C-alpha cells in the first residue's frame, strides 16, 4: 500500500468533481481526482448526455412524422431503436474521453477506484492496487443514484430505472412510468414519440411537482395531444407478472379508486438520493440530513478540511449546480472572495417537447416570501417565429416584484432550455422587467417572447 500527499483530493469525477479539480489546479493546488467509474460521472455517462441524445432522436422522429403539414411527405419513415441507443452511447463515450483529456491537460491526476475516509485528511482508494492518499482538504462530489420503491425490485429487463432505459435496445410496445418528475416526463416523451403506448403515473396533482404548477398542467395538456396518458393524484400500489410475460400494475387514484395498467415495461423514476454509502462518513462523524451531507456557506462539512458539493448536499440535483458549486468551493479554499451559489440562481430545465425551464421564484413562492408581485405572460402563439416554425405551444411567464425586480421566469415551449439563460443573466445583474423589455431583441426570434412577457409585467405589452 502506497501513499501520496496532495493539496486537494476530489472524490468523484462528475460535473461537480472534475470542474472543481480543474479550477483547483488553475489556482495552483496539487489535485487528484478519485473516480470508480468513468470520468464525467452519472450525468455524462448515465444521465444528462445520453438521455439528451435519445431525446434529440425522438424529436427528429416526431418532426418527420408531422412534416406533412408543411408539405413535406415522408411516407416510408422507419425506426431502428437499437441504433438510437448506439448513437447515445457513442456520444457519452466521446465526452468521457474529453473529460479525461481536460483533466490531463490541466495537470490533474486521475486515479481509478473507490475512495473511503480513514481520517479527516486521509482516504483509502480500493480497486486494483490499494492506495492511501493524504491532503489538507478533501472535496466530496460523489453525486446521486436512483431511488427505489420498497417492494418494487429492479430486474433490469422489464422493471427498470433510468440507467437501464439508456442501454436497452428493444423499444417496448407499452410502458408505464412511475414518477412524473423531470426524468419521468423526459422518458415519457421519448417512448411516446418512438411509438410506445406510454402512461405516466404521478402521485402529486400535476407533472413536474417541484416546479411551477402551471408548467406541469401545460405539459400535461401537450402530452395528452401526443397520446401520452397522464395519471396525476395517482400512486403505485403493486406489480404482478401477467400470463403472457408482461406486467400488470395496480395504481390508486382519487378517493382510493384502483386501476390496473398493463405494460411490457415499467420504468421507476421516483427521484434520486445521495451516493454516500461507500465513503465511510461515520468514521468522521460527518453530519447528514435526510440522507444528504450538511454543509455551511463555504461548503464545509462538520469535519474540518472536508467539503461537499453537488447532489450529495441536496436539491437541486442538477449537473450545472454541481459545477458552479465546485468552482465556488475551491475558490473559497484558495482564499478568493466568493459566495455560496444560491438556489434561486440555478435554472431548472426539462428536455422533453415542449421544453420546460425555470429560474428564480415562481408565483406561489414569491407570494409566500411576502413579495408584492406582478406577472407578465406571453404565449408562443403570438410569436411570429414560433408560428413560422410550427411550435406555438407554450408561453413565457415573468414574475416581478414591487419595483420591477425580476423574481423569477418560467418558460414552456420550443427552445425553453436555451432561452432561460437570458433570464438568469438579467436576474444576476439585477435588471428590472423594464430593462429586459426594452432590450432590443432580433425579429423574428423565440427570445422576443421573453421581452414581451417582461413588457407585460410592467403593463407595456405590444404584441399580446
Protein backbone atom coordinates (compact mmCIF):
# COMPACT_ATOMS: atom_id res chain seq x y z
CA UNK A 1 0.00 0.00 0.00
CA UNK A 2 1.50 3.32 -1.11
CA UNK A 3 0.78 6.88 -0.04
CA UNK A 4 0.77 10.27 -1.73
CA UNK A 5 0.21 13.82 -0.47
CA UNK A 6 -1.85 16.48 -2.27
CA UNK A 7 -3.35 19.88 -1.58
CA UNK A 8 -6.81 18.63 -2.59
CA UNK A 9 -8.42 15.24 -3.10
CA UNK A 10 -11.66 15.28 -5.06
CA UNK A 11 -13.85 12.19 -4.68
CA UNK A 12 -15.92 11.84 -7.85
CA UNK A 13 -15.25 12.94 -11.44
CA UNK A 14 -18.75 14.03 -12.36
CA UNK A 15 -19.62 17.58 -13.48
CA UNK A 16 -19.01 18.95 -9.99
CA UNK A 17 -15.86 16.96 -9.25
CA UNK A 18 -13.94 17.33 -12.48
CA UNK A 19 -14.83 21.02 -12.79
CA UNK A 20 -13.71 21.69 -9.21
CA UNK A 21 -10.47 19.76 -9.79
CA UNK A 22 -9.59 21.71 -12.92
CA UNK A 23 -10.30 25.05 -11.23
CA UNK A 24 -8.25 23.99 -8.20
CA UNK A 25 -5.30 23.14 -10.42
CA UNK A 26 -5.63 26.52 -12.15
CA UNK A 27 -5.37 28.10 -8.70
CA UNK A 28 -2.13 26.26 -8.01
CA UNK A 29 -3.39 23.39 -5.87
CA UNK A 30 -1.87 19.96 -6.40
CA UNK A 31 -5.04 18.00 -7.10
CA UNK A 32 -6.07 14.39 -7.56
CA UNK A 33 -9.49 13.01 -8.54
CA UNK A 34 -10.66 9.54 -7.50
CA UNK A 35 -13.40 8.01 -9.67
CA UNK A 36 -14.72 4.46 -9.52
CA UNK A 37 -16.48 4.55 -12.92
CA UNK A 38 -15.64 6.73 -15.90
CA UNK A 39 -14.78 10.44 -15.94
CA UNK A 40 -17.92 12.52 -16.38
CA UNK A 41 -19.87 10.73 -13.67
CA UNK A 42 -23.54 9.78 -13.78
CA UNK A 43 -24.53 12.87 -15.78
CA UNK A 44 -22.26 12.32 -18.72
CA UNK A 45 -22.32 8.52 -18.78
CA UNK A 46 -25.73 7.53 -17.43
CA UNK A 47 -27.88 10.65 -17.33
CA UNK A 48 -27.86 14.10 -18.89
CA UNK A 49 -25.87 13.46 -22.06
CA UNK A 50 -27.05 10.07 -23.37
CA UNK A 51 -30.66 10.87 -22.46
CA UNK A 52 -30.48 14.14 -24.41
CA UNK A 53 -29.11 12.26 -27.42
CA UNK A 54 -32.12 9.92 -27.24
CA UNK A 55 -34.50 12.87 -26.80
CA UNK A 56 -33.00 14.53 -29.87
CA UNK A 57 -33.73 11.39 -31.89
CA UNK A 58 -37.28 11.33 -30.51
CA UNK A 59 -37.79 14.94 -31.56
CA UNK A 60 -36.50 14.14 -35.05
CA UNK A 61 -38.95 11.25 -35.37
CA UNK A 62 -41.82 13.45 -34.24
CA UNK A 63 -40.82 16.25 -36.62
CA UNK A 64 -40.56 13.92 -39.60
CA UNK A 65 -43.84 12.22 -38.74
CA UNK A 66 -45.59 15.61 -38.64
CA UNK A 67 -43.81 17.08 -41.67
CA UNK A 68 -46.87 16.60 -43.86
CA UNK A 69 -48.42 19.81 -42.52
CA UNK A 70 -45.53 21.70 -44.12
CA UNK A 71 -45.98 19.95 -47.46
CA UNK A 72 -43.10 17.54 -46.83
CA UNK A 73 -44.13 13.90 -47.27
CA UNK A 74 -42.11 11.09 -45.67
CA UNK A 75 -44.29 8.00 -46.15
CA UNK A 76 -41.57 5.41 -45.52
CA UNK A 77 -40.32 6.54 -42.12
CA UNK A 78 -38.70 3.68 -40.22
CA UNK A 79 -37.04 3.48 -36.83
CA UNK A 80 -34.06 1.39 -35.76
CA UNK A 81 -34.22 1.89 -32.00
CA UNK A 82 -31.06 -0.14 -31.41
CA UNK A 83 -29.11 2.42 -33.46
CA UNK A 84 -30.64 5.25 -31.42
CA UNK A 85 -29.15 3.68 -28.29
CA UNK A 86 -25.83 3.07 -30.06
CA UNK A 87 -25.71 6.74 -31.04
CA UNK A 88 -26.38 7.91 -27.48
CA UNK A 89 -23.64 5.64 -26.09
CA UNK A 90 -21.17 6.88 -28.70
CA UNK A 91 -21.81 10.50 -27.64
CA UNK A 92 -21.29 9.58 -23.97
CA UNK A 93 -18.07 7.68 -24.78
CA UNK A 94 -16.61 10.61 -26.71
CA UNK A 95 -17.38 13.10 -23.95
CA UNK A 96 -15.97 10.80 -21.25
CA UNK A 97 -12.71 10.74 -23.19
CA UNK A 98 -12.92 14.52 -23.43
CA UNK A 99 -13.15 14.90 -19.65
CA UNK A 100 -10.15 12.62 -19.21
CA UNK A 101 -8.23 14.81 -21.66
CA UNK A 102 -9.23 18.00 -19.82
CA UNK A 103 -8.01 16.61 -16.51
CA UNK A 104 -4.67 15.65 -18.04
CA UNK A 105 -4.36 19.00 -19.83
CA UNK A 106 -4.85 20.81 -16.52
CA UNK A 107 -2.37 18.60 -14.64
CA UNK A 108 -4.98 16.87 -12.51
CA UNK A 109 -4.12 13.29 -11.60
CA UNK A 110 -6.94 10.77 -12.11
CA UNK A 111 -7.00 7.58 -10.04
CA UNK A 112 -9.50 4.77 -10.70
CA UNK A 113 -11.04 3.27 -7.59
CA UNK A 114 -13.47 3.70 -4.72
CA UNK A 115 -12.47 6.17 -2.01
CA UNK A 116 -13.38 5.94 1.66
CA UNK A 117 -12.27 8.03 4.62
CA UNK A 118 -9.65 6.82 7.08
CA UNK A 119 -9.12 10.18 8.77
CA UNK A 120 -10.28 13.77 8.07
CA UNK A 121 -7.28 14.28 5.77
CA UNK A 122 -6.75 10.73 4.53
CA UNK A 123 -8.62 8.40 2.19
CA UNK A 124 -8.18 4.79 1.16
CA UNK A 125 -8.60 4.02 -2.54
CA UNK A 126 -9.60 0.46 -3.38
CA UNK A 127 -9.86 -1.21 -6.76
CA UNK A 128 -6.68 -2.62 -8.19
CA UNK A 129 -3.71 -1.56 -6.06
CA UNK A 130 -4.81 -0.08 -2.76
CA UNK A 131 -3.56 3.43 -2.09
CA UNK A 132 -3.71 5.83 0.82
CA UNK A 133 -3.95 9.49 -0.23
CA UNK A 134 -3.50 12.47 2.05
CA UNK A 135 -4.45 16.11 1.58
CA UNK A 136 -5.13 19.22 3.61
CA UNK A 137 -8.55 19.41 2.00
CA UNK A 138 -10.92 16.79 0.60
CA UNK A 139 -13.95 17.53 -1.57
CA UNK A 140 -16.84 15.05 -1.76
CA UNK A 141 -18.54 15.14 -5.18
CA UNK A 142 -19.94 11.63 -5.48
CA UNK A 143 -23.36 12.62 -6.86
CA UNK A 144 -26.57 10.63 -6.52
CA UNK A 145 -28.31 7.42 -7.52
CA UNK A 146 -31.88 6.44 -8.39
CA UNK A 147 -34.33 5.99 -5.54
CA UNK A 148 -36.04 2.64 -5.33
CA UNK A 149 -39.60 1.92 -4.24
CA UNK A 150 -39.99 -0.64 -1.42
CA UNK A 151 -41.22 -3.94 -2.80
CA UNK A 152 -40.52 -2.97 -6.41
CA UNK A 153 -37.35 -4.77 -7.43
CA UNK A 154 -35.45 -3.51 -10.47
CA UNK A 155 -34.68 -6.54 -12.65
CA UNK A 156 -33.05 -4.54 -15.45
CA UNK A 157 -35.25 -6.15 -18.12
CA UNK A 158 -38.94 -5.42 -17.62
CA UNK A 159 -38.74 -3.33 -14.44
CA UNK A 160 -36.04 -0.73 -14.94
CA UNK A 161 -34.57 2.54 -13.75
CA UNK A 162 -33.33 5.34 -15.98
CA UNK A 163 -29.89 3.69 -16.18
CA UNK A 164 -31.28 0.59 -17.88
CA UNK A 165 -33.50 2.76 -20.10
CA UNK A 166 -30.33 4.20 -21.61
CA UNK A 167 -28.97 0.85 -22.75
CA UNK A 168 -31.94 -1.43 -23.52
CA UNK A 169 -32.03 -1.76 -27.29
CA UNK A 170 -35.56 -3.05 -27.73
CA UNK A 171 -38.35 -0.48 -27.88
CA UNK A 172 -41.19 -1.57 -25.56
CA UNK A 173 -44.65 -1.93 -27.04
CA UNK A 174 -46.05 -0.28 -23.91
CA UNK A 175 -44.53 1.35 -20.85
CA UNK A 176 -45.76 2.65 -17.51
CA UNK A 177 -43.54 5.29 -15.94
CA UNK A 178 -43.83 5.66 -12.18
CA UNK A 179 -42.99 9.27 -11.40
CA UNK A 180 -43.81 12.47 -13.27
CA UNK A 181 -40.72 14.48 -12.42
CA UNK A 182 -38.05 15.54 -14.91
CA UNK A 183 -36.76 12.02 -15.62
CA UNK A 184 -40.25 10.56 -15.92
CA UNK A 185 -41.55 13.15 -18.38
CA UNK A 186 -38.37 13.06 -20.50
CA UNK A 187 -38.56 9.30 -20.96
CA UNK A 188 -42.34 9.54 -21.31
CA UNK A 189 -41.93 11.93 -24.22
CA UNK A 190 -39.19 9.80 -25.80
CA UNK A 191 -41.07 6.50 -25.61
CA UNK A 192 -44.28 8.15 -26.77
CA UNK A 193 -42.56 9.75 -29.75
CA UNK A 194 -40.92 6.48 -30.76
CA UNK A 195 -44.35 4.79 -30.76
CA UNK A 196 -44.67 3.05 -27.39
CA UNK A 197 -48.06 3.14 -25.68
CA UNK A 198 -47.00 5.34 -22.74
CA UNK A 199 -48.55 6.13 -19.35
CA UNK A 200 -47.06 8.38 -16.68
CA UNK A 201 -48.20 7.91 -13.07
CA UNK A 202 -47.63 10.83 -10.68
CA UNK A 203 -48.80 10.92 -7.06
CA UNK A 204 -48.99 14.73 -6.87
CA UNK A 205 -51.69 16.77 -8.61
CA UNK A 206 -49.54 17.90 -11.55
CA UNK A 207 -46.49 16.84 -13.53
CA UNK A 208 -43.12 18.32 -12.50
CA UNK A 209 -44.26 18.77 -8.88
CA UNK A 210 -41.04 20.61 -7.94
CA UNK A 211 -41.75 23.33 -10.49
CA UNK A 212 -44.45 25.93 -11.12
CA UNK A 213 -47.87 24.25 -11.10
CA UNK A 214 -48.91 25.98 -14.32
CA UNK A 215 -45.89 24.49 -16.13
CA UNK A 216 -46.90 20.98 -15.11
CA UNK A 217 -50.50 21.44 -16.20
CA UNK A 218 -49.49 22.90 -19.57
CA UNK A 219 -47.12 19.98 -20.14
CA UNK A 220 -49.89 17.52 -19.31
CA UNK A 221 -52.14 19.12 -21.94
CA UNK A 222 -49.37 18.87 -24.51
CA UNK A 223 -48.68 15.23 -23.65
CA UNK A 224 -52.34 14.31 -23.98
CA UNK A 225 -52.33 15.76 -27.51
CA UNK A 226 -49.40 13.41 -28.18
CA UNK A 227 -51.47 10.44 -26.90
CA UNK A 228 -49.29 10.09 -23.79
CA UNK A 229 -51.59 9.15 -20.91
CA UNK A 230 -51.02 11.09 -17.68
CA UNK A 231 -52.48 9.94 -14.34
CA UNK A 232 -51.95 12.53 -11.62
CA UNK A 233 -53.00 12.20 -7.98
CA UNK A 234 -52.31 8.51 -8.51
CA UNK A 235 -49.92 6.31 -6.58
CA UNK A 236 -48.31 2.98 -7.36
CA UNK A 237 -49.55 0.08 -5.22
CA UNK A 238 -48.27 -3.19 -6.62
CA UNK A 239 -46.98 -5.01 -9.68
CA UNK A 240 -47.62 -8.55 -10.92
CA UNK A 241 -46.46 -10.71 -13.81
CA UNK A 242 -49.10 -11.42 -16.42
CA UNK A 243 -49.53 -14.83 -18.03
CA UNK A 244 -48.12 -13.52 -21.31
CA UNK A 245 -44.92 -12.34 -19.63
CA UNK A 246 -45.97 -8.72 -19.41
CA UNK A 247 -46.71 -6.65 -16.33
CA UNK A 248 -49.88 -5.59 -14.57
CA UNK A 249 -49.52 -2.56 -12.32
CA UNK A 250 -52.15 -1.63 -9.77
CA UNK A 251 -52.38 2.08 -9.05
CA UNK A 252 -54.64 4.02 -6.70
CA UNK A 253 -56.23 7.28 -7.78
CA UNK A 254 -58.52 9.80 -6.19
CA UNK A 255 -60.79 8.59 -3.40
CA UNK A 256 -58.94 5.28 -3.27
CA UNK A 257 -60.14 4.03 -6.65
CA UNK A 258 -57.84 1.34 -8.02
CA UNK A 259 -56.92 0.85 -11.66
CA UNK A 260 -54.95 -1.86 -13.46
CA UNK A 261 -52.39 -0.90 -16.10
CA UNK A 262 -50.91 -3.46 -18.48
CA UNK A 263 -47.46 -2.87 -19.92
CA UNK A 264 -44.44 -4.67 -21.32
CA UNK A 265 -42.09 -2.39 -19.38
CA UNK A 266 -42.18 -0.40 -16.13
CA UNK A 267 -39.77 2.48 -15.57
CA UNK A 268 -39.26 3.65 -11.98
CA UNK A 269 -38.44 7.37 -11.87
CA UNK A 270 -39.27 8.49 -8.35
CA UNK A 271 -36.29 10.72 -7.67
CA UNK A 272 -32.69 10.42 -6.57
CA UNK A 273 -30.74 10.12 -3.33
CA UNK A 274 -27.20 10.94 -2.23
CA UNK A 275 -24.49 8.44 -3.19
CA UNK A 276 -22.50 8.21 0.05
CA UNK A 277 -22.66 4.64 1.35
CA UNK A 278 -19.06 3.71 0.47
CA UNK A 279 -17.46 6.89 1.84
CA UNK A 280 -17.29 5.93 5.50
CA UNK A 281 -18.84 9.21 6.66
CA UNK A 282 -19.46 7.68 10.07
CA UNK A 283 -15.71 7.49 10.74
CA UNK A 284 -15.53 11.28 10.60
CA UNK A 285 -18.96 11.83 12.17
CA UNK A 286 -19.98 13.91 9.14
CA UNK A 287 -23.49 15.22 9.70
CA UNK A 288 -26.29 14.42 7.27
CA UNK A 289 -29.92 15.42 6.96
CA UNK A 290 -32.45 13.27 5.10
CA UNK A 291 -29.51 11.38 3.64
CA UNK A 292 -27.73 14.47 2.28
CA UNK A 293 -24.47 15.89 3.65
CA UNK A 294 -24.90 19.12 5.60
CA UNK A 295 -22.58 21.99 4.61
CA UNK A 296 -22.15 25.61 5.68
CA UNK A 297 -21.98 28.70 3.46
CA UNK A 298 -18.47 27.69 2.34
CA UNK A 299 -19.39 24.08 1.52
CA UNK A 300 -17.59 22.82 4.64
CA UNK A 301 -18.95 19.69 6.30
CA UNK A 302 -18.91 19.12 10.06
CA UNK A 303 -15.46 17.50 9.71
CA UNK A 304 -12.56 20.00 9.42
CA UNK A 305 -10.98 20.09 5.97
CA UNK A 306 -13.77 18.08 4.34
CA UNK A 307 -16.05 19.82 1.86
CA UNK A 308 -19.01 18.65 -0.25
CA UNK A 309 -20.82 19.88 -3.36
CA UNK A 310 -23.44 18.77 -5.86
CA UNK A 311 -26.15 16.16 -5.42
CA UNK A 312 -24.69 14.85 -2.14
CA UNK A 313 -25.63 18.12 -0.39
CA UNK A 314 -29.24 18.09 -1.57
CA UNK A 315 -31.58 19.73 -4.07
CA UNK A 316 -31.47 20.94 -6.70
CA UNK A 317 -29.85 17.76 -8.02
CA UNK A 318 -28.53 19.27 -11.24
CA UNK A 319 -25.21 18.93 -13.05
CA UNK A 320 -24.79 22.66 -13.63
CA UNK A 321 -25.48 23.32 -9.94
CA UNK A 322 -22.68 20.91 -9.01
CA UNK A 323 -20.26 22.55 -11.46
CA UNK A 324 -20.99 26.04 -10.14
CA UNK A 325 -20.70 24.86 -6.54
CA UNK A 326 -17.42 23.09 -7.30
CA UNK A 327 -15.83 26.25 -8.67
CA UNK A 328 -17.15 28.33 -5.77
CA UNK A 329 -15.91 25.82 -3.19
CA UNK A 330 -12.33 25.60 -4.45
CA UNK A 331 -12.08 29.35 -4.90
CA UNK A 332 -13.12 29.73 -1.26
CA UNK A 333 -10.48 27.14 -0.32
CA UNK A 334 -7.92 29.26 -2.16
CA UNK A 335 -8.96 32.38 -0.25
CA UNK A 336 -10.78 34.11 -3.06
CA UNK A 337 -13.85 36.23 -2.24
CA UNK A 338 -16.81 34.06 -3.25
CA UNK A 339 -20.34 33.47 -2.04
CA UNK A 340 -22.25 30.23 -1.91
CA UNK A 341 -24.39 29.60 -5.00
CA UNK A 342 -27.98 30.47 -4.13
CA UNK A 343 -30.73 28.13 -5.22
CA UNK A 344 -32.56 30.97 -6.96
CA UNK A 345 -29.57 31.41 -9.30
CA UNK A 346 -29.80 27.87 -10.63
CA UNK A 347 -32.04 27.25 -13.65
CA UNK A 348 -34.04 24.02 -13.82
CA UNK A 349 -34.52 22.51 -17.27
CA UNK A 350 -36.56 19.62 -18.64
CA UNK A 351 -35.75 18.46 -22.17
CA UNK A 352 -38.93 16.82 -23.41
CA UNK A 353 -41.03 18.61 -26.02
CA UNK A 354 -42.26 21.16 -25.27
CA UNK A 355 -39.19 22.00 -23.21
CA UNK A 356 -39.63 23.39 -19.71
CA UNK A 357 -37.31 25.80 -17.88
CA UNK A 358 -37.43 27.94 -14.78
CA UNK A 359 -35.16 30.20 -12.76
CA UNK A 360 -35.79 32.09 -9.53
CA UNK A 361 -39.14 32.11 -7.75
CA UNK A 362 -42.46 31.06 -9.21
CA UNK A 363 -45.71 32.87 -8.38
CA UNK A 364 -46.61 30.87 -5.27
CA UNK A 365 -43.06 31.01 -3.91
CA UNK A 366 -42.87 34.77 -4.47
CA UNK A 367 -46.17 35.34 -2.67
CA UNK A 368 -45.15 33.04 0.17
CA UNK A 369 -41.95 35.10 0.55
CA UNK A 370 -44.08 38.21 1.05
CA UNK A 371 -43.44 39.92 -2.28
CA UNK A 372 -45.97 42.19 -3.95
CA UNK A 373 -45.83 40.69 -7.39
CA UNK A 374 -46.78 41.49 -10.95
CA UNK A 375 -46.89 38.76 -13.56
CA UNK A 376 -46.29 39.18 -17.28
CA UNK A 377 -47.14 36.36 -19.66
CA UNK A 378 -46.68 35.95 -23.39
CA UNK A 379 -47.88 32.92 -25.39
CA UNK A 380 -45.79 31.49 -28.19
CA UNK A 381 -48.89 31.51 -30.40
CA UNK A 382 -48.40 35.30 -30.55
CA UNK A 383 -44.74 34.88 -31.60
CA UNK A 384 -44.01 35.23 -35.32
CA UNK A 385 -41.04 32.87 -35.15
CA UNK A 386 -42.89 30.22 -33.15
CA UNK A 387 -45.79 30.27 -35.60
CA UNK A 388 -43.45 30.18 -38.60
CA UNK A 389 -41.69 27.05 -37.38
CA UNK A 390 -44.91 25.39 -36.20
CA UNK A 391 -44.03 25.45 -32.49
CA UNK A 392 -46.78 27.59 -30.99
CA UNK A 393 -47.40 25.57 -27.79
CA UNK A 394 -46.43 27.17 -24.50
CA UNK A 395 -45.59 30.55 -23.05
CA UNK A 396 -43.13 32.69 -21.12
CA UNK A 397 -44.04 33.99 -17.67
CA UNK A 398 -42.10 36.68 -15.79
CA UNK A 399 -42.69 37.24 -12.08
CA UNK A 400 -41.59 40.68 -10.87
CA UNK A 401 -41.59 42.48 -7.55
CA UNK A 402 -42.90 45.85 -6.41
CA UNK A 403 -40.16 47.91 -8.05
CA UNK A 404 -39.91 45.74 -11.16
CA UNK A 405 -37.14 43.43 -9.95
CA UNK A 406 -37.14 40.06 -11.70
CA UNK A 407 -38.05 37.45 -9.10
CA UNK A 408 -38.37 34.52 -11.46
CA UNK A 409 -39.08 33.34 -15.00
CA UNK A 410 -40.88 30.21 -16.18
CA UNK A 411 -40.92 29.01 -19.79
CA UNK A 412 -42.60 26.10 -21.55
CA UNK A 413 -42.14 25.78 -25.28
CA UNK A 414 -39.64 25.30 -28.06
CA UNK A 415 -36.13 26.35 -27.01
CA UNK A 416 -37.07 26.99 -23.37
CA UNK A 417 -33.85 25.44 -22.01
CA UNK A 418 -31.75 27.88 -24.06
CA UNK A 419 -33.97 30.92 -23.54
CA UNK A 420 -33.78 30.63 -19.75
CA UNK A 421 -30.12 31.72 -19.74
CA UNK A 422 -31.05 35.28 -20.66
CA UNK A 423 -33.49 35.39 -17.75
CA UNK A 424 -30.81 34.09 -15.40
CA UNK A 425 -28.34 36.72 -16.57
CA UNK A 426 -30.89 39.52 -16.17
CA UNK A 427 -31.66 38.34 -12.65
CA UNK A 428 -27.94 38.02 -11.81
CA UNK A 429 -27.29 41.60 -12.99
CA UNK A 430 -30.34 42.86 -11.06
CA UNK A 431 -32.05 44.09 -14.22
CA UNK A 432 -35.70 45.09 -13.99
CA UNK A 433 -38.53 43.90 -16.21
CA UNK A 434 -38.40 47.27 -17.95
CA UNK A 435 -34.65 46.80 -18.62
CA UNK A 436 -35.32 43.40 -20.13
CA UNK A 437 -38.40 44.58 -22.00
CA UNK A 438 -36.53 47.49 -23.57
CA UNK A 439 -33.55 45.40 -24.62
CA UNK A 440 -33.74 45.17 -28.42
CA UNK A 441 -34.31 41.58 -29.47
CA UNK A 442 -33.86 40.40 -33.04
CA UNK A 443 -37.05 39.74 -35.01
CA UNK A 444 -38.25 37.15 -35.60
CA UNK A 445 -36.81 35.07 -32.75
CA UNK A 446 -38.22 32.99 -29.94
CA UNK A 447 -36.36 35.25 -27.48
CA UNK A 448 -38.82 38.04 -28.26
CA UNK A 449 -41.30 36.15 -26.07
CA UNK A 450 -39.16 36.91 -23.02
CA UNK A 451 -39.05 40.59 -23.99
CA UNK A 452 -42.82 40.69 -24.47
CA UNK A 453 -43.53 38.91 -21.17
CA UNK A 454 -41.28 41.42 -19.41
CA UNK A 455 -43.17 44.31 -21.03
CA UNK A 456 -46.44 42.69 -19.95
CA UNK A 457 -45.20 42.61 -16.34
CA UNK A 458 -44.90 46.41 -16.38
CA UNK A 459 -48.11 46.99 -18.33
CA UNK A 460 -46.47 47.79 -21.67
CA UNK A 461 -47.13 44.69 -23.78
CA UNK A 462 -47.21 45.45 -27.50
CA UNK A 463 -47.95 42.19 -29.29
CA UNK A 464 -50.41 40.48 -26.95
